[in-house]
Amino acid sequence: MAVTPYRYANDSETGAVQTAIRDMAAGRIDFVAFTASPQVRRLHEVAEACGLADDFRQGFARTRIAAVGPVVAEAVEAAGGTVAVSPESTFHMKPLVNAIRRLLTDGAGAR
């Protein structure tokens, strides 16, 4: 289980972003947490630029998504995703992690 908070894949890592898109579409990624709206836009832009738009839509539809707050949730929804969990208030990493933990352990905290 890989957890890489605040990691942003730059242009030199486009291949890794493409792999993540394909893995989401294939069901190999169960959960994605976004901490900033540029992360969502970057994923969507790579998909469009690399001919992976269908994989992106499929993967975004099947993968549970966490958003750190309402601005990020709006970006997720604009890209066609559905936010499964987000903190109710104080939109920072710790409340996000706690909301994800609650969702995964007892189903609470879901949006």
Protein backbone atom coordinates (compact mmCIF):
# COMPACT_ATOMS: atom_id res chain seq x y z
CA MET A 1 0.00 0.00 0.00
CA ALA A 2 1.67 3.17 -1.19
CA VAL A 3 0.98 6.48 0.55
CA THR A 4 2.73 9.51 -0.88
CA PRO A 5 1.19 12.66 0.61
CA TYR A 6 1.84 15.91 -1.20
CA ARG A 7 3.61 14.12 -4.07
CA TYR A 8 3.16 15.86 -7.40
CA ALA A 9 4.30 14.24 -10.63
CA ASN A 10 5.97 16.80 -12.88
CA ASP A 11 6.42 16.57 -16.67
CA SER A 12 9.36 14.18 -16.32
CA GLU A 13 7.03 11.72 -14.56
CA THR A 14 4.25 11.67 -17.15
CA GLY A 15 4.79 7.93 -17.61
CA ALA A 16 4.04 7.34 -13.94
CA VAL A 17 0.85 9.40 -14.24
CA GLN A 18 -0.19 7.38 -17.30
CA THR A 19 0.41 4.18 -15.35
CA ALA A 20 -1.73 5.45 -12.48
CA ILE A 21 -4.55 6.27 -14.90
CA ARG A 22 -4.37 2.80 -16.45
CA ASP A 23 -4.18 1.17 -13.01
CA MET A 24 -7.28 3.04 -11.84
CA ALA A 25 -9.16 1.96 -14.98
CA ALA A 26 -8.09 -1.66 -14.43
CA GLY A 27 -9.18 -1.61 -10.79
CA ARG A 28 -5.66 -1.94 -9.38
CA ILE A 29 -6.02 1.28 -7.37
CA ASP A 30 -8.76 1.23 -4.75
CA PHE A 31 -8.47 4.71 -3.30
CA VAL A 32 -6.99 8.08 -4.26
CA ALA A 33 -6.66 11.10 -1.97
CA PHE A 34 -6.28 14.56 -3.46
CA THR A 35 -4.83 17.37 -1.37
CA ALA A 36 -4.84 20.09 -4.05
CA SER A 37 -6.93 20.83 -7.12
CA PRO A 38 -3.86 21.03 -9.43
CA GLN A 39 -3.34 17.29 -8.78
CA VAL A 40 -6.78 16.55 -10.21
CA ARG A 41 -6.23 18.83 -13.19
CA ARG A 42 -2.81 17.29 -13.90
CA LEU A 43 -4.26 13.77 -13.92
CA HIS A 44 -7.02 14.85 -16.28
CA GLU A 45 -4.64 16.81 -18.55
CA VAL A 46 -2.25 13.87 -18.89
CA ALA A 47 -5.17 11.59 -19.74
CA GLU A 48 -6.38 13.94 -22.45
CA ALA A 49 -2.90 14.59 -23.89
CA CYS A 50 -1.90 10.92 -23.95
CA GLY A 51 -5.08 9.43 -25.41
CA LEU A 52 -6.21 7.98 -22.08
CA ALA A 53 -9.45 9.94 -21.70
CA ASP A 54 -11.60 6.79 -21.69
CA ASP A 55 -9.32 5.09 -19.15
CA PHE A 56 -9.44 8.21 -17.01
CA ARG A 57 -13.25 8.36 -17.04
CA GLN A 58 -13.51 4.65 -16.28
CA GLY A 59 -10.91 4.82 -13.53
CA PHE A 60 -12.34 7.94 -11.95
CA ALA A 61 -15.77 6.31 -11.88
CA ARG A 62 -14.58 3.11 -10.19
CA THR A 63 -12.01 4.48 -7.73
CA ARG A 64 -12.99 5.84 -4.32
CA ILE A 65 -11.78 9.42 -4.01
CA ALA A 66 -10.97 11.53 -0.96
CA ALA A 67 -10.74 15.32 -1.17
CA VAL A 68 -9.08 17.50 1.45
CA GLY A 69 -11.79 20.14 1.19
CA PRO A 70 -14.50 21.76 -0.91
CA VAL A 71 -12.17 23.37 -3.48
CA VAL A 72 -10.57 20.00 -4.24
CA ALA A 73 -13.96 18.25 -4.18
CA GLU A 74 -15.18 20.73 -6.79
CA ALA A 75 -12.18 19.93 -9.02
CA VAL A 76 -12.84 16.18 -8.63
CA GLU A 77 -16.48 16.60 -9.58
CA ALA A 78 -15.59 18.88 -12.52
CA ALA A 79 -13.31 16.11 -13.80
CA GLY A 80 -16.14 13.59 -13.57
CA GLY A 81 -15.32 11.97 -10.23
CA THR A 82 -17.34 11.46 -7.08
CA VAL A 83 -15.88 12.26 -3.69
CA ALA A 84 -16.35 9.35 -1.29
CA VAL A 85 -14.97 11.16 1.73
CA SER A 86 -13.83 14.60 2.83
CA PRO A 87 -13.30 16.20 6.24
CA GLU A 88 -16.33 18.01 7.58
CA SER A 89 -14.22 20.99 8.64
CA THR A 90 -10.58 22.07 9.04
CA PHE A 91 -9.41 21.08 5.60
CA HIS A 92 -5.89 19.86 6.33
CA MET A 93 -4.01 16.57 6.04
CA LYS A 94 -4.74 15.20 9.53
CA PRO A 95 -8.54 15.59 9.29
CA LEU A 96 -8.40 14.09 5.78
CA VAL A 97 -6.47 11.06 7.00
CA ASN A 98 -8.86 10.65 9.93
CA ALA A 99 -11.88 10.82 7.60
CA ILE A 100 -10.32 8.21 5.31
CA ARG A 101 -9.55 5.98 8.30
CA ARG A 102 -13.14 6.23 9.54
CA LEU A 103 -14.49 5.42 6.09
CA LEU A 104 -12.23 2.40 5.66
CA THR A 105 -12.73 1.00 9.16
CA ASP A 106 -16.41 1.60 9.83
CA GLY A 107 -17.92 3.32 6.83
CA ALA A 108 -18.37 6.60 8.71
CA GLY A 109 -17.38 9.94 7.28
CA ALA A 110 -18.56 9.19 3.77
CA ARG A 111 -19.90 12.07 1.80
